[in-house]
């Protein structure tokens, strides 16, 4: 038995803009269903038109991509693992949310309700929202732990 470990590389794949997440989900399903030389899939929200694959060899990547819709090509250069650190960094949700964002309430009696963020209090880790599906407009303040961003407000990416 050989003790030599094969190293993986990071491959960049161009996709049709806006289809990054769909392509990544399809790839993830395919690599789960069979033994594959593709080890990981990354579709950063800040990297439009691209996904990143960790794989043993370029042939495995090209074979997988040849049958996929919404894929343009594999970029012929590699990424280093330190190049993707910024995409793996987890930011607290309170840093991401802003006034005007659409959120879903994920806990409590209003769970499942959609609301628009009116203000953000980073020091208290709270947001004030207006419920969208209420009979009349009223604001409530809740912990950021009970919210999930659905859509960025106008003018934000």
N, C-alpha and C. Protein backbone atom coordinates (compact mmCIF):
# COMPACT_ATOMS: atom_id res chain seq x y z
N UNK A 1 0.83 -1.18 0.00
CA UNK A 1 0.00 0.00 0.00
C UNK A 1 0.89 1.25 0.00
N UNK A 2 0.56 2.19 -0.84
CA UNK A 2 1.35 3.40 -0.98
C UNK A 2 0.93 4.42 0.07
N UNK A 3 1.90 5.14 0.62
CA UNK A 3 1.59 6.19 1.57
C UNK A 3 1.52 7.56 0.88
N UNK A 4 1.74 7.57 -0.42
CA UNK A 4 1.70 8.82 -1.19
C UNK A 4 0.25 9.30 -1.33
N UNK A 5 0.01 10.53 -0.91
CA UNK A 5 -1.34 11.10 -1.01
C UNK A 5 -1.40 11.99 -2.25
N UNK A 6 -2.44 11.81 -3.03
CA UNK A 6 -2.62 12.67 -4.19
C UNK A 6 -3.14 14.02 -3.73
N UNK A 7 -2.62 15.06 -4.30
CA UNK A 7 -3.03 16.41 -3.93
C UNK A 7 -4.15 16.88 -4.84
N UNK A 8 -5.00 17.72 -4.27
CA UNK A 8 -6.07 18.30 -5.06
C UNK A 8 -5.67 19.70 -5.51
N UNK A 9 -6.37 20.19 -6.51
CA UNK A 9 -6.18 21.54 -7.04
C UNK A 9 -7.53 22.24 -7.02
N UNK A 10 -7.49 23.56 -7.05
CA UNK A 10 -8.71 24.35 -7.15
C UNK A 10 -8.88 24.80 -8.60
N UNK A 11 -10.00 24.44 -9.19
CA UNK A 11 -10.31 24.77 -10.58
C UNK A 11 -11.44 25.80 -10.61
N UNK A 12 -11.28 26.80 -11.46
CA UNK A 12 -12.30 27.84 -11.60
C UNK A 12 -13.13 27.51 -12.83
N UNK A 13 -14.45 27.57 -12.67
CA UNK A 13 -15.37 27.25 -13.75
C UNK A 13 -16.25 28.46 -14.04
N UNK A 14 -16.30 28.87 -15.29
CA UNK A 14 -17.17 29.97 -15.70
C UNK A 14 -18.57 29.43 -15.94
N UNK A 15 -19.56 30.14 -15.40
CA UNK A 15 -20.96 29.76 -15.60
C UNK A 15 -21.71 30.92 -16.23
N UNK A 16 -22.91 30.67 -16.65
CA UNK A 16 -23.78 31.75 -17.09
C UNK A 16 -24.14 32.55 -15.84
N UNK A 17 -24.06 33.87 -15.92
CA UNK A 17 -24.32 34.73 -14.78
C UNK A 17 -25.67 34.45 -14.14
N UNK A 18 -25.68 34.34 -12.84
CA UNK A 18 -26.91 34.08 -12.11
C UNK A 18 -27.21 32.60 -11.94
N UNK A 19 -26.42 31.74 -12.57
CA UNK A 19 -26.66 30.29 -12.49
C UNK A 19 -25.64 29.56 -11.62
N UNK A 20 -24.79 30.31 -10.93
CA UNK A 20 -23.72 29.72 -10.13
C UNK A 20 -24.26 28.72 -9.11
N UNK A 21 -25.26 29.14 -8.37
CA UNK A 21 -25.81 28.28 -7.31
C UNK A 21 -26.46 27.03 -7.89
N UNK A 22 -27.19 27.17 -8.99
CA UNK A 22 -27.82 26.00 -9.62
C UNK A 22 -26.79 25.00 -10.10
N UNK A 23 -25.74 25.49 -10.77
CA UNK A 23 -24.68 24.61 -11.26
C UNK A 23 -24.00 23.91 -10.09
N UNK A 24 -23.71 24.65 -9.02
CA UNK A 24 -23.06 24.07 -7.85
C UNK A 24 -23.92 22.98 -7.22
N UNK A 25 -25.24 23.19 -7.15
CA UNK A 25 -26.14 22.18 -6.58
C UNK A 25 -26.16 20.91 -7.42
N UNK A 26 -26.19 21.07 -8.73
CA UNK A 26 -26.19 19.90 -9.62
C UNK A 26 -24.89 19.12 -9.47
N UNK A 27 -23.78 19.84 -9.42
CA UNK A 27 -22.48 19.18 -9.24
C UNK A 27 -22.44 18.45 -7.90
N UNK A 28 -22.91 19.10 -6.85
CA UNK A 28 -22.91 18.47 -5.52
C UNK A 28 -23.74 17.19 -5.52
N UNK A 29 -24.90 17.20 -6.19
CA UNK A 29 -25.73 15.99 -6.27
C UNK A 29 -25.00 14.88 -7.02
N UNK A 30 -24.34 15.23 -8.10
CA UNK A 30 -23.64 14.22 -8.90
C UNK A 30 -22.45 13.62 -8.16
N UNK A 31 -21.72 14.44 -7.42
CA UNK A 31 -20.55 13.87 -6.73
C UNK A 31 -20.95 13.07 -5.50
N UNK A 32 -22.14 13.32 -4.96
CA UNK A 32 -22.63 12.51 -3.84
C UNK A 32 -23.10 11.14 -4.34
N UNK A 33 -23.66 11.12 -5.54
CA UNK A 33 -24.26 9.89 -6.04
C UNK A 33 -23.26 8.88 -6.59
N UNK A 34 -22.03 9.32 -6.86
CA UNK A 34 -21.04 8.36 -7.35
C UNK A 34 -19.66 8.74 -6.85
N UNK A 35 -18.75 7.76 -6.88
CA UNK A 35 -17.37 8.01 -6.47
C UNK A 35 -16.75 8.99 -7.47
N UNK A 36 -16.27 10.11 -6.98
CA UNK A 36 -15.80 11.16 -7.86
C UNK A 36 -14.46 11.70 -7.39
N UNK A 37 -13.71 12.22 -8.34
CA UNK A 37 -12.46 12.90 -8.01
C UNK A 37 -12.70 14.37 -7.69
N UNK A 38 -13.96 14.80 -7.70
CA UNK A 38 -14.32 16.16 -7.28
C UNK A 38 -14.57 16.09 -5.78
N UNK A 39 -13.85 16.89 -5.02
CA UNK A 39 -13.93 16.81 -3.56
C UNK A 39 -14.80 17.90 -2.93
N UNK A 40 -14.92 19.06 -3.59
CA UNK A 40 -15.69 20.16 -3.00
C UNK A 40 -16.16 21.12 -4.09
N UNK A 41 -17.26 21.82 -3.78
CA UNK A 41 -17.83 22.81 -4.69
C UNK A 41 -18.06 24.09 -3.88
N UNK A 42 -17.66 25.23 -4.45
CA UNK A 42 -17.85 26.51 -3.77
C UNK A 42 -18.45 27.49 -4.77
N UNK A 43 -19.57 28.12 -4.39
CA UNK A 43 -20.22 29.12 -5.23
C UNK A 43 -20.38 30.40 -4.40
N UNK A 44 -19.31 31.18 -4.27
CA UNK A 44 -19.40 32.40 -3.45
C UNK A 44 -20.37 33.41 -4.06
N UNK A 45 -21.20 34.01 -3.23
CA UNK A 45 -22.18 34.99 -3.71
C UNK A 45 -21.51 36.23 -4.28
N UNK A 46 -20.29 36.51 -3.84
CA UNK A 46 -19.60 37.71 -4.31
C UNK A 46 -18.82 37.48 -5.60
N UNK A 47 -18.80 36.28 -6.10
CA UNK A 47 -18.04 35.95 -7.31
C UNK A 47 -19.03 35.56 -8.41
N UNK A 48 -19.58 36.56 -9.09
CA UNK A 48 -20.62 36.32 -10.09
C UNK A 48 -20.03 35.67 -11.35
N UNK A 49 -20.73 34.64 -11.83
CA UNK A 49 -20.33 33.99 -13.07
C UNK A 49 -19.28 32.91 -12.91
N UNK A 50 -18.92 32.58 -11.68
CA UNK A 50 -17.87 31.58 -11.46
C UNK A 50 -18.22 30.69 -10.27
N UNK A 51 -17.75 29.44 -10.34
CA UNK A 51 -17.75 28.56 -9.18
C UNK A 51 -16.35 27.96 -9.08
N UNK A 52 -16.03 27.41 -7.93
CA UNK A 52 -14.71 26.84 -7.70
C UNK A 52 -14.89 25.37 -7.33
N UNK A 53 -14.10 24.51 -7.97
CA UNK A 53 -14.14 23.08 -7.67
C UNK A 53 -12.79 22.63 -7.13
N UNK A 54 -12.81 21.80 -6.11
CA UNK A 54 -11.59 21.16 -5.64
C UNK A 54 -11.62 19.75 -6.20
N UNK A 55 -10.58 19.42 -6.98
CA UNK A 55 -10.57 18.11 -7.64
C UNK A 55 -9.16 17.55 -7.73
N UNK A 56 -9.09 16.24 -7.99
CA UNK A 56 -7.81 15.56 -8.10
C UNK A 56 -7.11 15.86 -9.42
N UNK A 57 -7.89 16.03 -10.49
CA UNK A 57 -7.27 16.23 -11.80
C UNK A 57 -8.22 16.99 -12.73
N UNK A 58 -7.68 17.66 -13.75
CA UNK A 58 -8.53 18.44 -14.66
C UNK A 58 -9.45 17.58 -15.53
N UNK A 59 -9.06 16.35 -15.79
CA UNK A 59 -9.88 15.47 -16.63
C UNK A 59 -11.22 15.20 -15.94
N UNK A 60 -11.19 14.98 -14.63
CA UNK A 60 -12.43 14.76 -13.88
C UNK A 60 -13.35 15.97 -13.97
N UNK A 61 -12.77 17.16 -13.87
CA UNK A 61 -13.55 18.39 -13.95
C UNK A 61 -14.15 18.52 -15.34
N UNK A 62 -13.34 18.35 -16.37
CA UNK A 62 -13.81 18.50 -17.75
C UNK A 62 -14.90 17.48 -18.08
N UNK A 63 -14.74 16.25 -17.61
CA UNK A 63 -15.74 15.21 -17.86
C UNK A 63 -17.07 15.59 -17.22
N UNK A 64 -17.02 16.06 -16.00
CA UNK A 64 -18.24 16.46 -15.29
C UNK A 64 -18.91 17.64 -15.99
N UNK A 65 -18.12 18.62 -16.40
CA UNK A 65 -18.67 19.84 -16.99
C UNK A 65 -19.23 19.64 -18.38
N UNK A 66 -18.75 18.63 -19.10
CA UNK A 66 -19.16 18.44 -20.50
C UNK A 66 -20.66 18.18 -20.64
N UNK A 67 -21.29 17.67 -19.62
CA UNK A 67 -22.71 17.34 -19.71
C UNK A 67 -23.61 18.32 -18.96
N UNK A 68 -23.04 19.42 -18.48
CA UNK A 68 -23.83 20.35 -17.67
C UNK A 68 -24.29 21.56 -18.47
N UNK A 69 -25.54 21.93 -18.23
CA UNK A 69 -26.12 23.14 -18.79
C UNK A 69 -25.63 24.33 -17.96
N UNK A 70 -25.61 25.50 -18.53
CA UNK A 70 -25.25 26.75 -17.87
C UNK A 70 -23.78 26.87 -17.49
N UNK A 71 -22.92 26.00 -18.04
CA UNK A 71 -21.48 26.09 -17.82
C UNK A 71 -20.83 26.58 -19.09
N UNK A 72 -19.96 27.58 -18.96
CA UNK A 72 -19.26 28.10 -20.13
C UNK A 72 -17.95 27.33 -20.37
N UNK A 73 -17.05 27.33 -19.39
CA UNK A 73 -15.76 26.65 -19.58
C UNK A 73 -15.02 26.56 -18.25
N UNK A 74 -13.93 25.80 -18.27
CA UNK A 74 -13.02 25.75 -17.12
C UNK A 74 -11.88 26.72 -17.41
N UNK A 75 -11.58 27.58 -16.47
CA UNK A 75 -10.45 28.49 -16.61
C UNK A 75 -9.18 27.65 -16.53
N UNK A 76 -8.23 27.90 -17.40
CA UNK A 76 -7.05 27.04 -17.52
C UNK A 76 -5.99 27.22 -16.45
N UNK A 77 -6.16 28.19 -15.56
CA UNK A 77 -5.18 28.36 -14.48
C UNK A 77 -5.79 27.87 -13.16
N UNK A 78 -4.94 27.70 -12.17
CA UNK A 78 -5.37 27.20 -10.86
C UNK A 78 -5.45 28.34 -9.85
N UNK A 79 -6.20 28.10 -8.80
CA UNK A 79 -6.21 28.98 -7.64
C UNK A 79 -5.40 28.31 -6.54
N UNK A 80 -4.82 29.13 -5.68
CA UNK A 80 -4.18 28.58 -4.49
C UNK A 80 -5.24 28.57 -3.39
N UNK A 81 -5.07 27.70 -2.43
CA UNK A 81 -6.06 27.60 -1.35
C UNK A 81 -6.17 28.91 -0.57
N UNK A 82 -5.07 29.64 -0.41
CA UNK A 82 -5.15 30.92 0.32
C UNK A 82 -5.93 31.97 -0.48
N UNK A 83 -6.10 31.77 -1.80
CA UNK A 83 -6.86 32.71 -2.62
C UNK A 83 -8.36 32.67 -2.30
N UNK A 84 -8.84 31.57 -1.74
CA UNK A 84 -10.28 31.46 -1.46
C UNK A 84 -10.63 31.71 0.00
N UNK A 85 -9.64 32.01 0.82
CA UNK A 85 -9.91 32.28 2.24
C UNK A 85 -10.98 33.34 2.45
N UNK A 86 -10.95 34.39 1.63
CA UNK A 86 -11.92 35.49 1.80
C UNK A 86 -13.35 35.03 1.52
N UNK A 87 -13.53 33.97 0.72
CA UNK A 87 -14.86 33.45 0.44
C UNK A 87 -15.34 32.51 1.53
N UNK A 88 -14.43 32.01 2.33
CA UNK A 88 -14.79 31.05 3.38
C UNK A 88 -15.02 31.72 4.73
N UNK A 89 -14.68 32.98 4.81
CA UNK A 89 -14.85 33.74 6.04
C UNK A 89 -16.33 33.93 6.34
N UNK A 90 -16.75 33.56 7.53
CA UNK A 90 -18.14 33.71 7.91
C UNK A 90 -18.32 35.05 8.62
N UNK A 91 -19.16 35.89 8.05
CA UNK A 91 -19.43 37.20 8.66
C UNK A 91 -20.70 37.09 9.48
N UNK A 92 -20.73 37.76 10.63
CA UNK A 92 -21.96 37.76 11.42
C UNK A 92 -23.09 38.40 10.61
N UNK A 93 -24.28 37.85 10.73
CA UNK A 93 -25.42 38.34 9.97
C UNK A 93 -25.69 39.82 10.24
N UNK A 94 -25.43 40.26 11.46
CA UNK A 94 -25.68 41.67 11.81
C UNK A 94 -24.82 42.60 10.94
N UNK A 95 -23.68 42.11 10.46
CA UNK A 95 -22.80 42.91 9.59
C UNK A 95 -23.32 42.95 8.16
N UNK A 96 -24.14 41.98 7.79
CA UNK A 96 -24.64 41.85 6.43
C UNK A 96 -25.97 42.56 6.19
N UNK A 97 -26.79 42.64 7.23
CA UNK A 97 -28.15 43.18 7.07
C UNK A 97 -28.13 44.71 7.10
N UNK A 98 -29.04 45.32 6.33
CA UNK A 98 -29.12 46.78 6.28
C UNK A 98 -30.58 47.20 6.10
N UNK A 99 -30.85 48.45 6.37
CA UNK A 99 -32.20 48.99 6.17
C UNK A 99 -32.62 48.78 4.73
N UNK A 100 -33.87 48.37 4.54
CA UNK A 100 -34.40 48.13 3.20
C UNK A 100 -34.34 46.68 2.76
N UNK A 101 -33.56 45.85 3.48
CA UNK A 101 -33.48 44.42 3.14
C UNK A 101 -34.79 43.72 3.48
N UNK A 102 -35.09 42.68 2.72
CA UNK A 102 -36.25 41.83 2.98
C UNK A 102 -35.75 40.62 3.76
N UNK A 103 -36.38 40.33 4.90
CA UNK A 103 -35.97 39.20 5.73
C UNK A 103 -37.16 38.28 6.00
N UNK A 104 -36.84 37.06 6.39
CA UNK A 104 -37.84 36.12 6.87
C UNK A 104 -37.59 35.92 8.35
N UNK A 105 -38.64 35.94 9.15
CA UNK A 105 -38.51 35.70 10.58
C UNK A 105 -38.45 34.18 10.78
N UNK A 106 -37.41 33.71 11.49
CA UNK A 106 -37.16 32.27 11.58
C UNK A 106 -37.52 31.66 12.92
N UNK A 107 -38.04 32.45 13.83
CA UNK A 107 -38.41 31.89 15.13
C UNK A 107 -39.48 32.72 15.81
N UNK A 108 -40.07 32.13 16.83
CA UNK A 108 -41.10 32.83 17.59
C UNK A 108 -42.46 32.74 16.93
N UNK A 109 -43.44 33.48 17.46
CA UNK A 109 -44.81 33.39 16.96
C UNK A 109 -44.98 33.90 15.53
N UNK A 110 -44.05 34.70 15.06
CA UNK A 110 -44.15 35.25 13.69
C UNK A 110 -43.28 34.48 12.70
N UNK A 111 -42.85 33.29 13.09
CA UNK A 111 -41.99 32.47 12.25
C UNK A 111 -42.61 32.30 10.85
N UNK A 112 -41.78 32.52 9.83
CA UNK A 112 -42.24 32.38 8.45
C UNK A 112 -42.73 33.68 7.84
N UNK A 113 -42.92 34.70 8.66
CA UNK A 113 -43.38 36.00 8.15
C UNK A 113 -42.25 36.71 7.43
N UNK A 114 -42.62 37.48 6.41
CA UNK A 114 -41.66 38.30 5.69
C UNK A 114 -41.75 39.71 6.22
N UNK A 115 -40.60 40.38 6.29
CA UNK A 115 -40.57 41.73 6.83
C UNK A 115 -39.48 42.55 6.16
N UNK A 116 -39.65 43.86 6.20
CA UNK A 116 -38.66 44.79 5.66
C UNK A 116 -37.90 45.40 6.83
N UNK A 117 -36.56 45.42 6.73
CA UNK A 117 -35.73 45.98 7.79
C UNK A 117 -35.84 47.50 7.77
N UNK A 118 -36.18 48.06 8.94
CA UNK A 118 -36.31 49.52 9.08
C UNK A 118 -35.02 50.09 9.67
N UNK A 119 -34.46 49.40 10.67
CA UNK A 119 -33.21 49.86 11.28
C UNK A 119 -32.43 48.69 11.86
N UNK A 120 -31.13 48.92 12.06
CA UNK A 120 -30.23 47.89 12.57
C UNK A 120 -29.48 48.48 13.77
N UNK A 121 -29.49 47.74 14.89
CA UNK A 121 -28.73 48.14 16.07
C UNK A 121 -27.65 47.08 16.29
N UNK A 122 -26.46 47.37 15.75
CA UNK A 122 -25.37 46.39 15.82
C UNK A 122 -24.92 46.13 17.25
N UNK A 123 -24.95 47.15 18.11
CA UNK A 123 -24.49 46.97 19.48
C UNK A 123 -25.38 46.01 20.27
N UNK A 124 -26.67 46.01 19.98
CA UNK A 124 -27.61 45.12 20.67
C UNK A 124 -27.90 43.84 19.88
N UNK A 125 -27.34 43.75 18.66
CA UNK A 125 -27.57 42.59 17.79
C UNK A 125 -29.06 42.45 17.47
N UNK A 126 -29.73 43.60 17.23
CA UNK A 126 -31.17 43.60 16.97
C UNK A 126 -31.48 44.36 15.68
N UNK A 127 -32.60 43.98 15.09
CA UNK A 127 -33.12 44.71 13.93
C UNK A 127 -34.57 45.08 14.21
N UNK A 128 -34.99 46.20 13.64
CA UNK A 128 -36.39 46.60 13.71
C UNK A 128 -36.96 46.40 12.32
N UNK A 129 -38.10 45.71 12.25
CA UNK A 129 -38.69 45.36 10.96
C UNK A 129 -40.16 45.75 10.92
N UNK A 130 -40.67 45.91 9.68
CA UNK A 130 -42.10 46.10 9.47
C UNK A 130 -42.61 44.85 8.77
N UNK A 131 -43.62 44.23 9.33
CA UNK A 131 -44.20 43.02 8.73
C UNK A 131 -44.89 43.38 7.43
N UNK A 132 -44.66 42.56 6.40
CA UNK A 132 -45.24 42.84 5.09
C UNK A 132 -46.63 42.26 4.93
N UNK A 133 -46.90 41.15 5.59
CA UNK A 133 -48.18 40.48 5.39
C UNK A 133 -49.18 40.77 6.51
N UNK A 134 -48.93 41.82 7.29
CA UNK A 134 -49.85 42.19 8.37
C UNK A 134 -50.98 43.05 7.80
N UNK A 135 -52.12 43.03 8.46
CA UNK A 135 -53.29 43.81 8.03
C UNK A 135 -53.02 45.31 8.12
N UNK A 136 -52.17 45.71 9.08
CA UNK A 136 -51.79 47.12 9.19
C UNK A 136 -50.30 47.17 9.51
N UNK A 137 -49.67 48.27 9.19
CA UNK A 137 -48.22 48.40 9.35
C UNK A 137 -47.86 48.64 10.81
N UNK A 138 -46.95 47.81 11.31
CA UNK A 138 -46.39 48.06 12.64
C UNK A 138 -44.98 47.49 12.67
N UNK A 139 -44.17 48.06 13.53
CA UNK A 139 -42.77 47.66 13.64
C UNK A 139 -42.55 46.80 14.87
N UNK A 140 -41.63 45.86 14.74
CA UNK A 140 -41.21 45.06 15.89
C UNK A 140 -39.69 44.99 15.89
N UNK A 141 -39.12 44.83 17.05
CA UNK A 141 -37.68 44.67 17.18
C UNK A 141 -37.41 43.23 17.59
N UNK A 142 -36.46 42.62 16.90
CA UNK A 142 -36.13 41.24 17.21
C UNK A 142 -34.64 41.01 17.10
N UNK A 143 -34.18 39.94 17.73
CA UNK A 143 -32.78 39.56 17.68
C UNK A 143 -32.43 39.14 16.25
N UNK A 144 -31.23 39.44 15.83
CA UNK A 144 -30.78 39.06 14.49
C UNK A 144 -30.77 37.54 14.33
N UNK A 145 -30.72 36.81 15.45
CA UNK A 145 -30.73 35.35 15.41
C UNK A 145 -32.05 34.80 14.87
N UNK A 146 -33.09 35.63 14.85
CA UNK A 146 -34.41 35.20 14.38
C UNK A 146 -34.74 35.75 12.99
N UNK A 147 -33.71 36.05 12.20
CA UNK A 147 -33.95 36.59 10.87
C UNK A 147 -33.01 35.94 9.86
N UNK A 148 -33.50 35.88 8.64
CA UNK A 148 -32.70 35.36 7.52
C UNK A 148 -32.94 36.30 6.35
N UNK A 149 -31.85 36.77 5.73
CA UNK A 149 -31.99 37.71 4.61
C UNK A 149 -32.52 36.96 3.39
N UNK A 150 -33.60 37.51 2.83
CA UNK A 150 -34.19 36.95 1.62
C UNK A 150 -33.74 37.73 0.38
N UNK A 151 -33.66 39.05 0.54
CA UNK A 151 -33.35 39.90 -0.60
C UNK A 151 -32.72 41.18 -0.10
N UNK A 152 -31.69 41.62 -0.82
CA UNK A 152 -31.02 42.87 -0.47
C UNK A 152 -31.90 44.04 -0.88
N UNK A 153 -31.80 45.12 -0.13
CA UNK A 153 -32.55 46.32 -0.44
C UNK A 153 -32.07 46.94 -1.74
N UNK A 154 -32.84 47.85 -2.28
CA UNK A 154 -32.51 48.51 -3.55
C UNK A 154 -31.13 49.16 -3.48
N UNK A 155 -30.34 48.95 -4.53
CA UNK A 155 -29.01 49.56 -4.60
C UNK A 155 -27.92 48.78 -3.92
N UNK A 156 -28.23 47.63 -3.31
CA UNK A 156 -27.22 46.81 -2.64
C UNK A 156 -26.97 45.54 -3.43
N UNK A 157 -25.77 45.01 -3.28
CA UNK A 157 -25.43 43.74 -3.95
C UNK A 157 -25.30 42.64 -2.95
